Structures are given as structure tokens and as C-alpha cells.
Amino acid sequence: MLTTFDVRRDKEIAYDAIAVQPINGALVERTLTAAAIFDPNQNIDTSMPTEMVTPLQTRTTLYHWAQGLAHKDPYWDNPDADVLGISGAARCPTATPAGECSGQKTWDAADAWYKDIKAGGIATAPDSSAAPSMSIPIWMAMANKRLRW
């Protein structure tokens, strides 16, 4: 963080710096492979370690996580408890949010995402030769468009 103004701009600045203090313990290393772009019909189930508490474990957990954020669904990691998402709450009657309602544009965007999630479902399309019109990679905005050869 820069605390003084320097017009010469010749000072070294450390961004996102942290102080580290040694501790006793055993070193544990885990390697994860991350992919940010998927085929529209990609099966995105993973073999992620259970220590990683994340909805990215399977298509089912990701689907329920997104449903819970966008509208309403059981918690992705606790099917006995429901979560109320943005479009599951009331839509504000005016453009300015007030009280216990979601702003109109926010509610509309969440509702559109909810409809995409429902349309995409959990399963991949049985015919992988044709890209689906909606899928988990598509509603996550992480799908590559297929190229025509």
C-alpha cells in the first residue's frame, strides 16, 4: 500500500503483502487442476477432496447452490434446509429497493438466471454432437462456443 505521494514514481510498492510467522505443524500439499472454460455439454463432476467445502464438487451440488442463490432450493450441502435466493424474495414495487424486497433489476437478473438454471438442468445431453441450448457451463458463463469446421 502506498502511504505517501511520490512524483518521481521510483519507490518500490508491495501489493497484497502479508506478514508470515512460522508455526509448528506438518506441511500438506494438494494439487488441484482448474479449468475455466468448458464445452457446453461438459460433465463438470470432479474428484475434489471432501476437505474442500465447495458447491463445485458435482453437477448436483452446483445446481442446488445456484438455485439457492437465484431463487429457492435446499442448501447444496444440507438438503434438509432451504435457502431463499434473490428472486425467491419479493420484487420491489418501485425501482428503488426498500425494506425486505429485492431491487427490480437485481430481481429480474436473478429470475432470468434461475430460468436458465432450470432449463439447463443437471444432466449432460445424451447426444454430444449437438451443443445444448442451455447447460451448467452455459449458465455459469464458462462455456466455449463450438466452432464449425
N, C-alpha and C. Protein backbone atom coordinates (compact mmCIF):
# COMPACT_ATOMS: atom_id res chain seq x y z
N MET A 1 0.85 -1.17 0.00
CA MET A 1 0.00 0.00 0.00
C MET A 1 0.90 1.23 0.00
N LEU A 2 0.61 2.21 -0.82
CA LEU A 2 1.38 3.44 -0.90
C LEU A 2 0.81 4.43 0.10
N THR A 3 1.67 4.92 0.99
CA THR A 3 1.17 5.83 2.02
C THR A 3 1.60 7.27 1.77
N THR A 4 2.56 7.51 0.90
CA THR A 4 2.97 8.88 0.57
C THR A 4 2.98 9.04 -0.94
N PHE A 5 2.74 10.26 -1.39
CA PHE A 5 2.73 10.53 -2.82
C PHE A 5 4.17 10.80 -3.27
N ASP A 6 4.61 10.13 -4.32
CA ASP A 6 5.96 10.29 -4.84
C ASP A 6 5.86 10.62 -6.32
N VAL A 7 6.15 11.85 -6.68
CA VAL A 7 6.02 12.28 -8.08
C VAL A 7 7.05 11.62 -8.99
N ARG A 8 8.21 11.17 -8.43
CA ARG A 8 9.23 10.52 -9.25
C ARG A 8 8.82 9.09 -9.61
N ARG A 9 7.95 8.52 -8.84
CA ARG A 9 7.48 7.16 -9.04
C ARG A 9 8.62 6.14 -9.07
N ASP A 10 9.57 6.31 -8.18
CA ASP A 10 10.69 5.38 -8.14
C ASP A 10 10.73 4.58 -6.85
N LYS A 11 9.63 4.51 -6.14
CA LYS A 11 9.57 3.73 -4.90
C LYS A 11 9.04 2.34 -5.20
N GLU A 12 9.51 1.36 -4.43
CA GLU A 12 9.01 0.01 -4.56
C GLU A 12 7.76 -0.13 -3.69
N ILE A 13 6.75 -0.70 -4.26
CA ILE A 13 5.48 -0.84 -3.57
C ILE A 13 5.12 -2.33 -3.57
N ALA A 14 4.70 -2.83 -2.44
CA ALA A 14 4.26 -4.23 -2.35
C ALA A 14 2.74 -4.24 -2.29
N TYR A 15 2.12 -4.88 -3.28
CA TYR A 15 0.67 -5.02 -3.29
C TYR A 15 0.30 -6.37 -2.68
N ASP A 16 -0.79 -6.40 -1.96
CA ASP A 16 -1.27 -7.63 -1.34
C ASP A 16 -0.20 -8.31 -0.51
N ALA A 17 0.60 -7.54 0.18
CA ALA A 17 1.68 -8.10 1.01
C ALA A 17 1.10 -8.68 2.29
N ILE A 18 1.73 -9.75 2.77
CA ILE A 18 1.33 -10.35 4.04
C ILE A 18 2.57 -10.58 4.89
N ALA A 19 2.38 -10.64 6.18
CA ALA A 19 3.46 -10.99 7.10
C ALA A 19 3.27 -12.45 7.47
N VAL A 20 4.36 -13.21 7.47
CA VAL A 20 4.29 -14.63 7.74
C VAL A 20 5.11 -14.96 8.98
N GLN A 21 4.52 -15.70 9.88
CA GLN A 21 5.21 -16.14 11.08
C GLN A 21 5.23 -17.66 11.06
N PRO A 22 6.42 -18.26 11.26
CA PRO A 22 6.49 -19.72 11.25
C PRO A 22 5.65 -20.34 12.37
N ILE A 23 5.07 -21.50 12.08
CA ILE A 23 4.30 -22.24 13.07
C ILE A 23 4.74 -23.70 13.04
N ASN A 24 4.47 -24.42 14.09
CA ASN A 24 4.76 -25.84 14.12
C ASN A 24 3.64 -26.58 13.41
N GLY A 25 4.00 -27.63 12.69
CA GLY A 25 3.00 -28.44 12.01
C GLY A 25 3.60 -29.19 10.86
N ALA A 26 2.80 -30.01 10.22
CA ALA A 26 3.24 -30.80 9.07
C ALA A 26 2.77 -30.12 7.79
N LEU A 27 3.67 -30.06 6.82
CA LEU A 27 3.34 -29.48 5.53
C LEU A 27 2.38 -30.40 4.79
N VAL A 28 1.29 -29.85 4.28
CA VAL A 28 0.33 -30.60 3.48
C VAL A 28 0.20 -29.89 2.15
N GLU A 29 0.38 -30.64 1.07
CA GLU A 29 0.24 -30.06 -0.27
C GLU A 29 -0.86 -30.78 -1.01
N ARG A 30 -1.70 -30.04 -1.69
CA ARG A 30 -2.74 -30.60 -2.54
C ARG A 30 -2.64 -29.91 -3.89
N THR A 31 -2.82 -30.66 -4.93
CA THR A 31 -2.78 -30.11 -6.27
C THR A 31 -4.17 -30.19 -6.87
N LEU A 32 -4.66 -29.08 -7.35
CA LEU A 32 -5.96 -29.02 -7.99
C LEU A 32 -5.76 -28.59 -9.44
N THR A 33 -6.50 -29.19 -10.31
CA THR A 33 -6.48 -28.76 -11.69
C THR A 33 -7.70 -27.88 -11.90
N ALA A 34 -7.48 -26.70 -12.41
CA ALA A 34 -8.60 -25.78 -12.61
C ALA A 34 -8.79 -25.52 -14.10
N ALA A 35 -10.02 -25.57 -14.53
CA ALA A 35 -10.35 -25.24 -15.91
C ALA A 35 -11.47 -24.22 -15.87
N ALA A 36 -11.33 -23.16 -16.60
CA ALA A 36 -12.31 -22.09 -16.54
C ALA A 36 -13.23 -22.07 -17.76
N ILE A 37 -12.90 -22.82 -18.78
CA ILE A 37 -13.71 -22.83 -19.99
C ILE A 37 -14.10 -24.27 -20.29
N PHE A 38 -15.38 -24.48 -20.58
CA PHE A 38 -15.89 -25.82 -20.79
C PHE A 38 -16.64 -25.91 -22.11
N ASP A 39 -16.77 -27.13 -22.59
CA ASP A 39 -17.68 -27.41 -23.69
C ASP A 39 -19.10 -27.20 -23.16
N PRO A 40 -20.04 -26.74 -23.98
CA PRO A 40 -21.40 -26.54 -23.48
C PRO A 40 -22.05 -27.80 -22.92
N ASN A 41 -21.57 -28.97 -23.33
CA ASN A 41 -22.14 -30.23 -22.85
C ASN A 41 -21.18 -30.95 -21.90
N GLN A 42 -20.29 -30.22 -21.28
CA GLN A 42 -19.26 -30.79 -20.41
C GLN A 42 -19.84 -31.37 -19.13
N ASN A 43 -19.42 -32.57 -18.77
CA ASN A 43 -19.73 -33.13 -17.47
C ASN A 43 -18.71 -32.52 -16.51
N ILE A 44 -19.14 -31.68 -15.59
CA ILE A 44 -18.19 -30.98 -14.73
C ILE A 44 -18.08 -31.59 -13.33
N ASP A 45 -18.52 -32.85 -13.19
CA ASP A 45 -18.29 -33.54 -11.92
C ASP A 45 -16.79 -33.64 -11.68
N THR A 46 -16.39 -33.54 -10.41
CA THR A 46 -14.97 -33.57 -10.08
C THR A 46 -14.68 -34.67 -9.06
N SER A 47 -13.42 -34.89 -8.83
CA SER A 47 -12.99 -35.79 -7.76
C SER A 47 -12.32 -34.96 -6.68
N MET A 48 -12.91 -33.80 -6.41
CA MET A 48 -12.36 -32.88 -5.43
C MET A 48 -12.35 -33.50 -4.04
N PRO A 49 -11.28 -33.29 -3.29
CA PRO A 49 -11.24 -33.84 -1.93
C PRO A 49 -12.39 -33.30 -1.08
N THR A 50 -12.90 -34.14 -0.20
CA THR A 50 -14.03 -33.73 0.64
C THR A 50 -13.65 -32.62 1.61
N GLU A 51 -12.35 -32.42 1.84
CA GLU A 51 -11.92 -31.32 2.71
C GLU A 51 -12.23 -29.96 2.08
N MET A 52 -12.37 -29.94 0.77
CA MET A 52 -12.70 -28.71 0.07
C MET A 52 -14.22 -28.55 0.10
N VAL A 53 -14.71 -27.68 0.96
CA VAL A 53 -16.15 -27.47 1.11
C VAL A 53 -16.57 -26.45 0.06
N THR A 54 -17.10 -26.95 -1.04
CA THR A 54 -17.46 -26.10 -2.16
C THR A 54 -18.58 -26.74 -2.96
N PRO A 55 -19.45 -25.93 -3.55
CA PRO A 55 -20.51 -26.49 -4.40
C PRO A 55 -19.97 -26.99 -5.75
N LEU A 56 -18.70 -26.80 -6.02
CA LEU A 56 -18.13 -27.24 -7.30
C LEU A 56 -17.79 -28.73 -7.32
N GLN A 57 -18.25 -29.50 -6.36
CA GLN A 57 -17.93 -30.92 -6.30
C GLN A 57 -18.61 -31.72 -7.41
N THR A 58 -19.89 -31.50 -7.62
CA THR A 58 -20.64 -32.24 -8.64
C THR A 58 -21.62 -31.31 -9.33
N ARG A 59 -22.20 -31.80 -10.42
CA ARG A 59 -23.23 -31.01 -11.11
C ARG A 59 -24.42 -30.80 -10.18
N THR A 60 -24.74 -31.79 -9.37
CA THR A 60 -25.89 -31.67 -8.46
C THR A 60 -25.65 -30.60 -7.40
N THR A 61 -24.48 -30.60 -6.76
CA THR A 61 -24.22 -29.59 -5.73
C THR A 61 -24.16 -28.20 -6.35
N LEU A 62 -23.58 -28.08 -7.53
CA LEU A 62 -23.51 -26.78 -8.21
C LEU A 62 -24.91 -26.29 -8.59
N TYR A 63 -25.73 -27.19 -9.08
CA TYR A 63 -27.10 -26.87 -9.46
C TYR A 63 -27.89 -26.35 -8.25
N HIS A 64 -27.83 -27.06 -7.14
CA HIS A 64 -28.57 -26.64 -5.95
C HIS A 64 -28.02 -25.34 -5.36
N TRP A 65 -26.71 -25.15 -5.43
CA TRP A 65 -26.10 -23.89 -4.96
C TRP A 65 -26.65 -22.72 -5.77
N ALA A 66 -26.64 -22.86 -7.10
CA ALA A 66 -27.12 -21.78 -7.97
C ALA A 66 -28.61 -21.53 -7.79
N GLN A 67 -29.40 -22.61 -7.69
CA GLN A 67 -30.83 -22.45 -7.46
C GLN A 67 -31.09 -21.69 -6.17
N GLY A 68 -30.32 -22.00 -5.13
CA GLY A 68 -30.48 -21.32 -3.85
C GLY A 68 -30.13 -19.85 -3.92
N LEU A 69 -29.12 -19.50 -4.71
CA LEU A 69 -28.76 -18.09 -4.86
C LEU A 69 -29.78 -17.33 -5.70
N ALA A 70 -30.21 -17.95 -6.78
CA ALA A 70 -31.09 -17.27 -7.71
C ALA A 70 -32.54 -17.22 -7.25
N HIS A 71 -33.02 -18.31 -6.67
CA HIS A 71 -34.45 -18.36 -6.33
C HIS A 71 -34.68 -19.01 -4.96
N LYS A 72 -34.81 -20.31 -4.93
CA LYS A 72 -35.01 -21.04 -3.67
C LYS A 72 -34.70 -22.50 -3.92
N ASP A 73 -34.01 -23.11 -2.99
CA ASP A 73 -33.67 -24.52 -3.13
C ASP A 73 -33.10 -24.99 -1.80
N PRO A 74 -33.01 -26.30 -1.60
CA PRO A 74 -32.31 -26.75 -0.41
C PRO A 74 -30.84 -26.34 -0.49
N TYR A 75 -30.20 -26.11 0.66
CA TYR A 75 -28.77 -25.83 0.66
C TYR A 75 -28.05 -26.93 -0.09
N TRP A 76 -27.05 -26.58 -0.85
CA TRP A 76 -26.32 -27.57 -1.64
C TRP A 76 -25.65 -28.62 -0.76
N ASP A 77 -25.29 -28.27 0.48
CA ASP A 77 -24.62 -29.23 1.35
C ASP A 77 -25.50 -29.69 2.51
N ASN A 78 -26.79 -29.29 2.51
CA ASN A 78 -27.71 -29.74 3.54
C ASN A 78 -29.12 -29.75 2.95
N PRO A 79 -29.52 -30.87 2.34
CA PRO A 79 -30.82 -30.93 1.67
C PRO A 79 -32.03 -30.75 2.59
N ASP A 80 -31.81 -30.82 3.91
CA ASP A 80 -32.93 -30.66 4.84
C ASP A 80 -33.23 -29.19 5.16
N ALA A 81 -32.37 -28.28 4.69
CA ALA A 81 -32.57 -26.85 4.98
C ALA A 81 -32.69 -26.06 3.68
N ASP A 82 -33.69 -25.21 3.60
CA ASP A 82 -33.89 -24.39 2.41
C ASP A 82 -33.15 -23.06 2.52
N VAL A 83 -32.80 -22.53 1.36
CA VAL A 83 -32.22 -21.20 1.29
C VAL A 83 -33.10 -20.38 0.33
N LEU A 84 -33.36 -19.15 0.71
CA LEU A 84 -34.19 -18.27 -0.11
C LEU A 84 -33.27 -17.31 -0.86
N GLY A 85 -33.27 -17.40 -2.18
CA GLY A 85 -32.42 -16.56 -3.00
C GLY A 85 -33.09 -15.25 -3.39
N ILE A 86 -32.46 -14.55 -4.32
CA ILE A 86 -32.89 -13.20 -4.69
C ILE A 86 -34.29 -13.17 -5.26
N SER A 87 -34.59 -13.99 -6.26
CA SER A 87 -35.93 -13.94 -6.86
C SER A 87 -36.95 -14.77 -6.07
N GLY A 88 -36.49 -15.43 -5.01
CA GLY A 88 -37.43 -16.10 -4.11
C GLY A 88 -38.06 -15.12 -3.14
N ALA A 89 -37.42 -13.97 -2.98
CA ALA A 89 -37.95 -12.90 -2.14
C ALA A 89 -38.86 -12.01 -2.99
N ALA A 90 -39.51 -11.10 -2.35
CA ALA A 90 -40.42 -10.19 -3.06
C ALA A 90 -39.63 -9.25 -3.98
N ARG A 91 -40.24 -8.90 -5.10
CA ARG A 91 -39.67 -7.91 -6.03
C ARG A 91 -40.21 -6.55 -5.60
N CYS A 92 -39.31 -5.59 -5.45
CA CYS A 92 -39.74 -4.26 -5.01
C CYS A 92 -40.74 -3.67 -6.00
N PRO A 93 -41.78 -3.00 -5.50
CA PRO A 93 -42.78 -2.40 -6.40
C PRO A 93 -42.27 -1.17 -7.13
N THR A 94 -41.17 -0.59 -6.64
CA THR A 94 -40.57 0.58 -7.30
C THR A 94 -39.12 0.27 -7.63
N ALA A 95 -38.51 1.12 -8.44
CA ALA A 95 -37.12 0.90 -8.86
C ALA A 95 -36.15 1.00 -7.70
N THR A 96 -36.50 1.75 -6.68
CA THR A 96 -35.62 1.91 -5.52
C THR A 96 -35.94 0.85 -4.47
N PRO A 97 -34.95 -0.03 -4.15
CA PRO A 97 -35.20 -1.06 -3.15
C PRO A 97 -35.49 -0.44 -1.78
N ALA A 98 -36.42 -1.02 -1.07
CA ALA A 98 -36.75 -0.57 0.28
C ALA A 98 -37.31 -1.74 1.06
N GLY A 99 -36.84 -1.90 2.27
CA GLY A 99 -37.38 -2.95 3.12
C GLY A 99 -36.91 -4.34 2.74
N GLU A 100 -37.82 -5.30 2.78
CA GLU A 100 -37.50 -6.72 2.60
C GLU A 100 -37.65 -7.20 1.16
N CYS A 101 -37.51 -6.31 0.17
CA CYS A 101 -37.67 -6.72 -1.22
C CYS A 101 -36.34 -6.58 -1.97
N SER A 102 -36.26 -7.26 -3.12
CA SER A 102 -35.08 -7.14 -3.98
C SER A 102 -35.33 -6.08 -5.04
N GLY A 103 -34.32 -5.29 -5.35
CA GLY A 103 -34.44 -4.27 -6.39
C GLY A 103 -34.91 -4.89 -7.70
N GLN A 104 -35.68 -4.14 -8.47
CA GLN A 104 -36.31 -4.68 -9.67
C GLN A 104 -35.29 -5.26 -10.66
N LYS A 105 -34.22 -4.53 -10.97
CA LYS A 105 -33.23 -5.03 -11.94
C LYS A 105 -32.47 -6.23 -11.39
N THR A 106 -32.17 -6.20 -10.10
CA THR A 106 -31.49 -7.34 -9.47
C THR A 106 -32.40 -8.55 -9.48
N TRP A 107 -33.67 -8.37 -9.12
CA TRP A 107 -34.64 -9.46 -9.10
C TRP A 107 -34.81 -10.02 -10.50
N ASP A 108 -34.93 -9.13 -11.51
CA ASP A 108 -35.12 -9.58 -12.90
C ASP A 108 -33.92 -10.38 -13.38
N ALA A 109 -32.70 -9.94 -13.06
CA ALA A 109 -31.50 -10.67 -13.47
C ALA A 109 -31.44 -12.03 -12.77
N ALA A 110 -31.76 -12.08 -11.49
CA ALA A 110 -31.75 -13.35 -10.75
C ALA A 110 -32.82 -14.29 -11.29
N ASP A 111 -33.98 -13.75 -11.64
CA ASP A 111 -35.05 -14.58 -12.18
C ASP A 111 -34.67 -15.14 -13.55
N ALA A 112 -34.02 -14.33 -14.38
CA ALA A 112 -33.56 -14.82 -15.69
C ALA A 112 -32.51 -15.93 -15.49
N TRP A 113 -31.60 -15.74 -14.53
CA TRP A 113 -30.59 -16.76 -14.26
C TRP A 113 -31.26 -18.04 -13.74
N TYR A 114 -32.24 -17.88 -12.86
CA TYR A 114 -32.99 -19.03 -12.34
C TYR A 114 -33.62 -19.83 -13.47
N LYS A 115 -34.22 -19.14 -14.42
CA LYS A 115 -34.85 -19.83 -15.56
C LYS A 115 -33.80 -20.56 -16.40
N ASP A 116 -32.62 -19.96 -16.56
CA ASP A 116 -31.53 -20.63 -17.28
C ASP A 116 -31.07 -21.87 -16.52
N ILE A 117 -30.95 -21.78 -15.21
CA ILE A 117 -30.53 -22.92 -14.38
C ILE A 117 -31.54 -24.05 -14.54
N LYS A 118 -32.83 -23.73 -14.43
CA LYS A 118 -33.88 -24.75 -14.58
C LYS A 118 -33.83 -25.37 -15.97
N ALA A 119 -33.65 -24.54 -17.00
CA ALA A 119 -33.62 -25.05 -18.37
C ALA A 119 -32.39 -25.92 -18.62
N GLY A 120 -31.28 -25.59 -17.98
CA GLY A 120 -30.05 -26.36 -18.17
C GLY A 120 -30.06 -27.68 -17.45
N GLY A 121 -30.77 -27.75 -16.32
CA GLY A 121 -30.85 -28.98 -15.57
C GLY A 121 -29.50 -29.44 -15.04
N ILE A 122 -29.44 -30.72 -14.70
CA ILE A 122 -28.22 -31.29 -14.12
C ILE A 122 -27.49 -32.19 -15.11
N ALA A 123 -28.22 -32.96 -15.90
CA ALA A 123 -27.62 -33.96 -16.78
C ALA A 123 -27.01 -33.32 -18.03
N THR A 124 -26.01 -33.99 -18.57
CA THR A 124 -25.48 -33.59 -19.87
C THR A 124 -26.38 -34.18 -20.94
N ALA A 125 -26.36 -33.60 -22.13
CA ALA A 125 -27.20 -34.09 -23.23
C ALA A 125 -26.67 -35.43 -23.72
N PRO A 126 -27.56 -36.39 -24.01
CA PRO A 126 -27.09 -37.70 -24.45
C PRO A 126 -26.40 -37.66 -25.81
N ASP A 127 -26.81 -36.73 -26.67
CA ASP A 127 -26.18 -36.59 -27.98
C ASP A 127 -25.18 -35.46 -27.91
N SER A 128 -23.91 -35.80 -27.77
CA SER A 128 -22.90 -34.75 -27.60
C SER A 128 -22.49 -34.10 -28.90
N SER A 129 -23.06 -34.54 -30.03
CA SER A 129 -22.69 -33.92 -31.31
C SER A 129 -23.31 -32.54 -31.47
N ALA A 130 -24.42 -32.31 -30.79
CA ALA A 130 -25.09 -31.01 -30.87
C ALA A 130 -24.97 -30.31 -29.52
N ALA A 131 -24.56 -29.07 -29.53
CA ALA A 131 -24.45 -28.30 -28.29
C ALA A 131 -25.85 -28.02 -27.74
N PRO A 132 -26.05 -28.18 -26.44
CA PRO A 132 -27.37 -27.89 -25.87
C PRO A 132 -27.63 -26.38 -25.88
N SER A 133 -28.90 -26.02 -25.85
CA SER A 133 -29.23 -24.59 -25.82
C SER A 133 -28.97 -24.00 -24.45
N MET A 134 -29.02 -24.84 -23.39
CA MET A 134 -28.71 -24.38 -22.04
C MET A 134 -28.12 -25.56 -21.27
N SER A 135 -27.14 -25.27 -20.42
CA SER A 135 -26.47 -26.29 -19.62
C SER A 135 -25.75 -25.59 -18.48
N ILE A 136 -25.21 -26.38 -17.56
CA ILE A 136 -24.48 -25.78 -16.44
C ILE A 136 -23.32 -24.90 -16.94
N PRO A 137 -22.45 -25.39 -17.84
CA PRO A 137 -21.38 -24.50 -18.31
C PRO A 137 -21.89 -23.21 -18.96
N ILE A 138 -23.05 -23.29 -19.62
CA ILE A 138 -23.60 -22.08 -20.26
C ILE A 138 -24.12 -21.10 -19.20
N TRP A 139 -24.95 -21.57 -18.23
CA TRP A 139 -25.46 -20.61 -17.24
C TRP A 139 -24.40 -20.15 -16.26
N MET A 140 -23.27 -20.86 -16.21
CA MET A 140 -22.14 -20.37 -15.42
C MET A 140 -21.33 -19.34 -16.20
N ALA A 141 -21.67 -19.14 -17.48
CA ALA A 141 -20.96 -18.24 -18.39
C ALA A 141 -19.51 -18.69 -18.56
N MET A 142 -19.31 -20.01 -18.64
CA MET A 142 -17.97 -20.57 -18.78
C MET A 142 -17.89 -21.56 -19.94
N ALA A 143 -18.82 -21.49 -20.88
CA ALA A 143 -18.81 -22.43 -22.00
C ALA A 143 -18.23 -21.77 -23.24
N ASN A 144 -17.35 -22.50 -23.90
CA ASN A 144 -16.85 -22.08 -25.21
C ASN A 144 -17.92 -22.38 -26.25
N LYS A 145 -18.08 -21.49 -27.19
CA LYS A 145 -18.97 -21.82 -28.30
C LYS A 145 -18.25 -22.82 -29.18
N ARG A 146 -18.99 -23.76 -29.69
CA ARG A 146 -18.39 -24.75 -30.58
C ARG A 146 -18.11 -24.12 -31.93
N LEU A 147 -16.95 -24.45 -32.47
CA LEU A 147 -16.57 -23.96 -33.78
C LEU A 147 -17.10 -24.92 -34.84
N ARG A 148 -17.49 -24.36 -35.95
CA ARG A 148 -17.93 -25.20 -37.08
C ARG A 148 -16.73 -25.36 -38.00
N TRP A 149 -16.45 -26.60 -38.38
CA TRP A 149 -15.30 -26.88 -39.24
C TRP A 149 -15.72 -27.00 -40.67
